[in-house]
Amino acid sequence: MPKRSCPFTDAAPLQLKVHVSPRELSHGVFAERYSREVFGLPGAAPIACSSCVRSVDGKAVCSQCERALCGQCVYTCWGCGALACVLCGLADYADDDDGEKTLCTSCAMFEA
């Protein structure tokens, strides 16, 4: 006996799944939004400092590389007053008793 033919024509609408389980919602495209609605999670994670991985307490960013910085990792350039991180700030040890001065990479280029 041959197989019976399909009763639907090519123009028939597709049959889609109607029931979506909570597991599919929590792992699907809208997983983050669904988790916030169900569990009351905050929308954004706190930003970490790029130097020491502490939570950033303000909006300080390095003027050279634009990375987020916490209050303990911010260095102010002695020449122009710009904020610099540990990677972009260069220590300038002066001969006088002022001690260590931090220069950004732009000012350090002119000091050399």
N, C-alpha and C. Protein backbone atom coordinates (compact mmCIF):
# COMPACT_ATOMS: atom_id res chain seq x y z
N MET A 1 0.84 -1.16 0.00
CA MET A 1 0.00 0.00 0.00
C MET A 1 0.90 1.24 0.00
N PRO A 2 0.67 2.20 -0.90
CA PRO A 2 1.49 3.40 -0.96
C PRO A 2 1.14 4.37 0.17
N LYS A 3 2.09 5.28 0.45
CA LYS A 3 1.86 6.30 1.47
C LYS A 3 0.77 7.25 1.00
N ARG A 4 0.00 7.73 1.95
CA ARG A 4 -1.05 8.67 1.56
C ARG A 4 -0.42 10.04 1.32
N SER A 5 -1.02 10.81 0.49
CA SER A 5 -0.48 12.13 0.14
C SER A 5 -0.82 13.14 1.24
N CYS A 6 -0.07 14.21 1.26
CA CYS A 6 -0.27 15.28 2.24
C CYS A 6 -1.56 16.02 1.91
N PRO A 7 -2.47 16.18 2.89
CA PRO A 7 -3.75 16.85 2.60
C PRO A 7 -3.62 18.37 2.47
N PHE A 8 -2.48 18.94 2.86
CA PHE A 8 -2.31 20.39 2.81
C PHE A 8 -1.63 20.80 1.51
N THR A 9 -1.99 21.96 1.03
CA THR A 9 -1.33 22.47 -0.16
C THR A 9 -0.07 23.24 0.26
N ASP A 10 0.65 23.72 -0.71
CA ASP A 10 1.86 24.48 -0.41
C ASP A 10 1.55 25.82 0.26
N ALA A 11 0.36 26.35 0.09
CA ALA A 11 -0.01 27.64 0.65
C ALA A 11 -0.55 27.53 2.07
N ALA A 12 -0.60 26.35 2.63
CA ALA A 12 -1.12 26.18 3.98
C ALA A 12 -0.16 26.79 5.00
N PRO A 13 -0.69 27.38 6.08
CA PRO A 13 0.20 27.97 7.09
C PRO A 13 0.99 26.89 7.82
N LEU A 14 2.16 27.30 8.29
CA LEU A 14 3.01 26.36 9.02
C LEU A 14 2.41 26.07 10.39
N GLN A 15 2.60 24.88 10.86
CA GLN A 15 2.14 24.53 12.19
C GLN A 15 3.26 24.83 13.18
N LEU A 16 3.01 25.76 14.07
CA LEU A 16 4.02 26.18 15.03
C LEU A 16 3.70 25.66 16.41
N LYS A 17 4.71 25.55 17.23
CA LYS A 17 4.54 25.12 18.60
C LYS A 17 3.83 26.21 19.38
N VAL A 18 2.81 25.86 20.14
CA VAL A 18 2.02 26.84 20.85
C VAL A 18 2.48 26.96 22.30
N HIS A 19 2.78 25.87 22.95
CA HIS A 19 3.17 25.90 24.35
C HIS A 19 4.69 26.03 24.48
N VAL A 20 5.12 27.00 25.30
CA VAL A 20 6.54 27.20 25.57
C VAL A 20 6.73 27.04 27.07
N SER A 21 7.59 26.12 27.45
CA SER A 21 7.79 25.83 28.87
C SER A 21 8.71 26.88 29.51
N PRO A 22 8.68 27.02 30.85
CA PRO A 22 9.58 27.96 31.54
C PRO A 22 11.06 27.66 31.29
N ARG A 23 11.38 26.39 31.12
CA ARG A 23 12.78 26.03 30.84
C ARG A 23 13.23 26.60 29.50
N GLU A 24 12.37 26.54 28.51
CA GLU A 24 12.73 27.10 27.21
C GLU A 24 12.85 28.61 27.27
N LEU A 25 12.01 29.26 28.07
CA LEU A 25 12.11 30.70 28.23
C LEU A 25 13.40 31.11 28.93
N SER A 26 13.79 30.37 29.94
CA SER A 26 14.98 30.73 30.71
C SER A 26 16.28 30.45 29.96
N HIS A 27 16.25 29.69 28.88
CA HIS A 27 17.46 29.40 28.12
C HIS A 27 17.42 29.97 26.70
N GLY A 28 16.35 30.65 26.33
CA GLY A 28 16.17 31.11 24.97
C GLY A 28 16.75 32.49 24.72
N VAL A 29 16.20 33.13 23.71
CA VAL A 29 16.69 34.43 23.27
C VAL A 29 16.46 35.50 24.33
N PHE A 30 15.34 35.45 25.03
CA PHE A 30 15.02 36.45 26.04
C PHE A 30 15.36 35.97 27.44
N ALA A 31 16.41 35.22 27.59
CA ALA A 31 16.77 34.63 28.88
C ALA A 31 17.05 35.68 29.94
N GLU A 32 17.79 36.73 29.59
CA GLU A 32 18.15 37.76 30.57
C GLU A 32 16.91 38.52 31.03
N ARG A 33 16.07 38.90 30.08
CA ARG A 33 14.84 39.63 30.44
C ARG A 33 13.91 38.76 31.28
N TYR A 34 13.77 37.50 30.93
CA TYR A 34 12.91 36.59 31.69
C TYR A 34 13.46 36.41 33.10
N SER A 35 14.77 36.29 33.26
CA SER A 35 15.37 36.12 34.58
C SER A 35 15.14 37.36 35.44
N ARG A 36 15.24 38.55 34.86
CA ARG A 36 14.98 39.78 35.61
C ARG A 36 13.53 39.85 36.08
N GLU A 37 12.60 39.45 35.22
CA GLU A 37 11.18 39.49 35.57
C GLU A 37 10.85 38.49 36.67
N VAL A 38 11.37 37.29 36.57
CA VAL A 38 11.04 36.23 37.52
C VAL A 38 11.78 36.39 38.83
N PHE A 39 13.08 36.61 38.77
CA PHE A 39 13.91 36.60 39.96
C PHE A 39 14.21 37.99 40.50
N GLY A 40 13.84 39.04 39.79
CA GLY A 40 14.08 40.40 40.25
C GLY A 40 15.54 40.78 40.25
N LEU A 41 16.32 40.25 39.33
CA LEU A 41 17.74 40.56 39.25
C LEU A 41 17.93 41.95 38.67
N PRO A 42 18.97 42.66 39.08
CA PRO A 42 19.23 43.97 38.50
C PRO A 42 19.59 43.85 37.02
N GLY A 43 19.37 44.92 36.29
CA GLY A 43 19.58 44.88 34.85
C GLY A 43 21.02 44.82 34.43
N ALA A 44 21.91 45.53 35.10
CA ALA A 44 23.30 45.58 34.68
C ALA A 44 24.22 45.15 35.83
N ALA A 45 25.26 44.48 35.47
CA ALA A 45 26.25 44.07 36.47
C ALA A 45 27.14 45.26 36.81
N PRO A 46 27.69 45.32 38.02
CA PRO A 46 28.56 46.44 38.37
C PRO A 46 29.84 46.39 37.53
N ILE A 47 30.37 47.57 37.26
CA ILE A 47 31.58 47.67 36.45
C ILE A 47 32.79 47.50 37.36
N ALA A 48 33.77 46.75 36.90
CA ALA A 48 34.98 46.50 37.68
C ALA A 48 36.11 47.38 37.19
N CYS A 49 36.99 47.74 38.11
CA CYS A 49 38.17 48.53 37.79
C CYS A 49 39.08 47.70 36.89
N SER A 50 39.67 48.33 35.89
CA SER A 50 40.52 47.59 34.96
C SER A 50 41.88 47.25 35.55
N SER A 51 42.29 47.94 36.62
CA SER A 51 43.60 47.69 37.22
C SER A 51 43.56 46.67 38.34
N CYS A 52 42.57 46.81 39.24
CA CYS A 52 42.57 45.95 40.43
C CYS A 52 41.31 45.10 40.56
N VAL A 53 40.37 45.20 39.66
CA VAL A 53 39.14 44.43 39.59
C VAL A 53 38.21 44.69 40.78
N ARG A 54 38.37 45.83 41.45
CA ARG A 54 37.40 46.24 42.47
C ARG A 54 36.20 46.85 41.76
N SER A 55 35.12 46.98 42.51
CA SER A 55 33.93 47.63 41.96
C SER A 55 34.20 49.12 41.81
N VAL A 56 33.83 49.68 40.67
CA VAL A 56 34.06 51.09 40.40
C VAL A 56 33.04 51.90 41.19
N ASP A 57 33.54 52.86 41.99
CA ASP A 57 32.65 53.66 42.82
C ASP A 57 32.21 54.95 42.15
N GLY A 58 32.88 55.39 41.14
CA GLY A 58 32.52 56.63 40.45
C GLY A 58 32.56 56.42 38.94
N LYS A 59 32.72 57.53 38.23
CA LYS A 59 32.77 57.44 36.78
C LYS A 59 34.13 57.84 36.26
N ALA A 60 35.17 57.52 36.98
CA ALA A 60 36.53 57.87 36.57
C ALA A 60 37.00 56.91 35.49
N VAL A 61 37.49 57.47 34.40
CA VAL A 61 38.06 56.67 33.32
C VAL A 61 39.42 57.25 32.94
N CYS A 62 40.28 56.39 32.47
CA CYS A 62 41.60 56.82 32.03
C CYS A 62 41.46 57.67 30.77
N SER A 63 42.17 58.79 30.72
CA SER A 63 42.08 59.68 29.56
C SER A 63 42.80 59.11 28.35
N GLN A 64 43.68 58.13 28.56
CA GLN A 64 44.44 57.57 27.46
C GLN A 64 43.76 56.34 26.84
N CYS A 65 43.35 55.38 27.68
CA CYS A 65 42.79 54.12 27.17
C CYS A 65 41.30 53.97 27.45
N GLU A 66 40.70 54.91 28.19
CA GLU A 66 39.28 54.96 28.49
C GLU A 66 38.78 53.74 29.26
N ARG A 67 39.61 53.15 30.10
CA ARG A 67 39.20 52.05 30.96
C ARG A 67 38.64 52.61 32.26
N ALA A 68 37.69 51.90 32.87
CA ALA A 68 37.08 52.31 34.13
C ALA A 68 38.08 52.14 35.27
N LEU A 69 38.07 53.09 36.23
CA LEU A 69 39.01 53.07 37.34
C LEU A 69 38.28 53.28 38.66
N CYS A 70 38.78 52.63 39.71
CA CYS A 70 38.25 52.88 41.05
C CYS A 70 39.01 54.05 41.66
N GLY A 71 38.61 54.49 42.84
CA GLY A 71 39.23 55.65 43.48
C GLY A 71 40.68 55.44 43.87
N GLN A 72 41.10 54.19 44.10
CA GLN A 72 42.47 53.93 44.52
C GLN A 72 43.44 53.78 43.35
N CYS A 73 42.93 53.58 42.15
CA CYS A 73 43.81 53.37 40.99
C CYS A 73 43.87 54.58 40.06
N VAL A 74 43.29 55.69 40.47
CA VAL A 74 43.31 56.90 39.64
C VAL A 74 44.58 57.69 39.94
N TYR A 75 45.31 58.03 38.91
CA TYR A 75 46.49 58.88 39.02
C TYR A 75 46.22 60.14 38.20
N THR A 76 46.56 61.28 38.77
CA THR A 76 46.37 62.56 38.08
C THR A 76 47.70 63.00 37.48
N CYS A 77 47.66 63.34 36.22
CA CYS A 77 48.87 63.78 35.53
C CYS A 77 49.34 65.11 36.11
N TRP A 78 50.63 65.19 36.39
CA TRP A 78 51.21 66.39 36.96
C TRP A 78 51.27 67.51 35.93
N GLY A 79 51.38 67.16 34.66
CA GLY A 79 51.50 68.18 33.61
C GLY A 79 50.18 68.78 33.17
N CYS A 80 49.18 67.95 32.88
CA CYS A 80 47.94 68.47 32.30
C CYS A 80 46.71 68.23 33.18
N GLY A 81 46.83 67.43 34.23
CA GLY A 81 45.71 67.17 35.13
C GLY A 81 44.77 66.08 34.66
N ALA A 82 45.10 65.37 33.60
CA ALA A 82 44.26 64.30 33.09
C ALA A 82 44.36 63.07 33.99
N LEU A 83 43.32 62.25 34.01
CA LEU A 83 43.34 61.02 34.79
C LEU A 83 44.05 59.93 34.00
N ALA A 84 44.83 59.12 34.71
CA ALA A 84 45.57 58.04 34.07
C ALA A 84 45.48 56.79 34.94
N CYS A 85 45.55 55.63 34.29
CA CYS A 85 45.55 54.36 35.02
C CYS A 85 46.99 53.92 35.27
N VAL A 86 47.16 52.78 35.89
CA VAL A 86 48.49 52.26 36.21
C VAL A 86 49.28 51.98 34.93
N LEU A 87 48.59 51.51 33.90
CA LEU A 87 49.29 51.17 32.66
C LEU A 87 49.68 52.40 31.85
N CYS A 88 48.86 53.44 31.88
CA CYS A 88 49.12 54.63 31.06
C CYS A 88 49.86 55.73 31.81
N GLY A 89 49.87 55.69 33.13
CA GLY A 89 50.57 56.71 33.90
C GLY A 89 52.03 56.33 34.09
N LEU A 90 52.91 57.28 33.86
CA LEU A 90 54.34 57.03 34.00
C LEU A 90 54.86 57.80 35.22
N ALA A 91 55.61 57.13 36.06
CA ALA A 91 56.16 57.76 37.27
C ALA A 91 57.40 58.55 36.90
N ASP A 92 57.44 59.81 37.34
CA ASP A 92 58.58 60.68 37.10
C ASP A 92 59.19 61.00 38.46
N TYR A 93 60.38 60.48 38.71
CA TYR A 93 61.05 60.71 39.98
C TYR A 93 61.92 61.96 39.84
N ALA A 94 61.48 63.05 40.42
CA ALA A 94 62.20 64.32 40.32
C ALA A 94 63.35 64.34 41.33
N ASP A 95 64.32 65.22 41.07
CA ASP A 95 65.48 65.34 41.95
C ASP A 95 65.13 66.09 43.24
N ASP A 96 64.11 66.93 43.18
CA ASP A 96 63.76 67.70 44.39
C ASP A 96 62.95 66.82 45.34
N ASP A 97 62.52 67.37 46.44
CA ASP A 97 61.85 66.60 47.49
C ASP A 97 60.35 66.38 47.24
N ASP A 98 59.86 66.67 46.04
CA ASP A 98 58.44 66.46 45.75
C ASP A 98 58.09 64.99 45.65
N GLY A 99 59.07 64.17 45.43
CA GLY A 99 58.82 62.73 45.34
C GLY A 99 58.38 62.32 43.94
N GLU A 100 57.49 61.35 43.89
CA GLU A 100 57.05 60.78 42.62
C GLU A 100 55.93 61.62 42.02
N LYS A 101 56.04 61.93 40.74
CA LYS A 101 55.00 62.64 40.00
C LYS A 101 54.55 61.75 38.86
N THR A 102 53.25 61.70 38.62
CA THR A 102 52.71 60.87 37.55
C THR A 102 52.47 61.73 36.32
N LEU A 103 52.89 61.21 35.18
CA LEU A 103 52.66 61.88 33.91
C LEU A 103 51.87 60.95 33.00
N CYS A 104 50.93 61.51 32.24
CA CYS A 104 50.23 60.70 31.24
C CYS A 104 51.19 60.48 30.07
N THR A 105 50.84 59.61 29.16
CA THR A 105 51.75 59.29 28.06
C THR A 105 51.95 60.49 27.13
N SER A 106 50.94 61.36 27.02
CA SER A 106 51.10 62.56 26.17
C SER A 106 52.12 63.51 26.75
N CYS A 107 52.04 63.78 28.06
CA CYS A 107 52.99 64.69 28.70
C CYS A 107 54.38 64.08 28.82
N ALA A 108 54.44 62.78 29.02
CA ALA A 108 55.74 62.10 29.15
C ALA A 108 56.52 62.17 27.84
N MET A 109 55.80 62.23 26.73
CA MET A 109 56.47 62.30 25.42
C MET A 109 57.17 63.65 25.28
N PHE A 110 56.60 64.72 25.85
CA PHE A 110 57.22 66.04 25.75
C PHE A 110 58.30 66.25 26.79
N GLU A 111 58.25 65.51 27.89
CA GLU A 111 59.26 65.62 28.95
C GLU A 111 60.57 64.98 28.55
N ALA A 112 60.53 63.99 27.69
CA ALA A 112 61.73 63.22 27.33
C ALA A 112 62.68 63.99 26.48
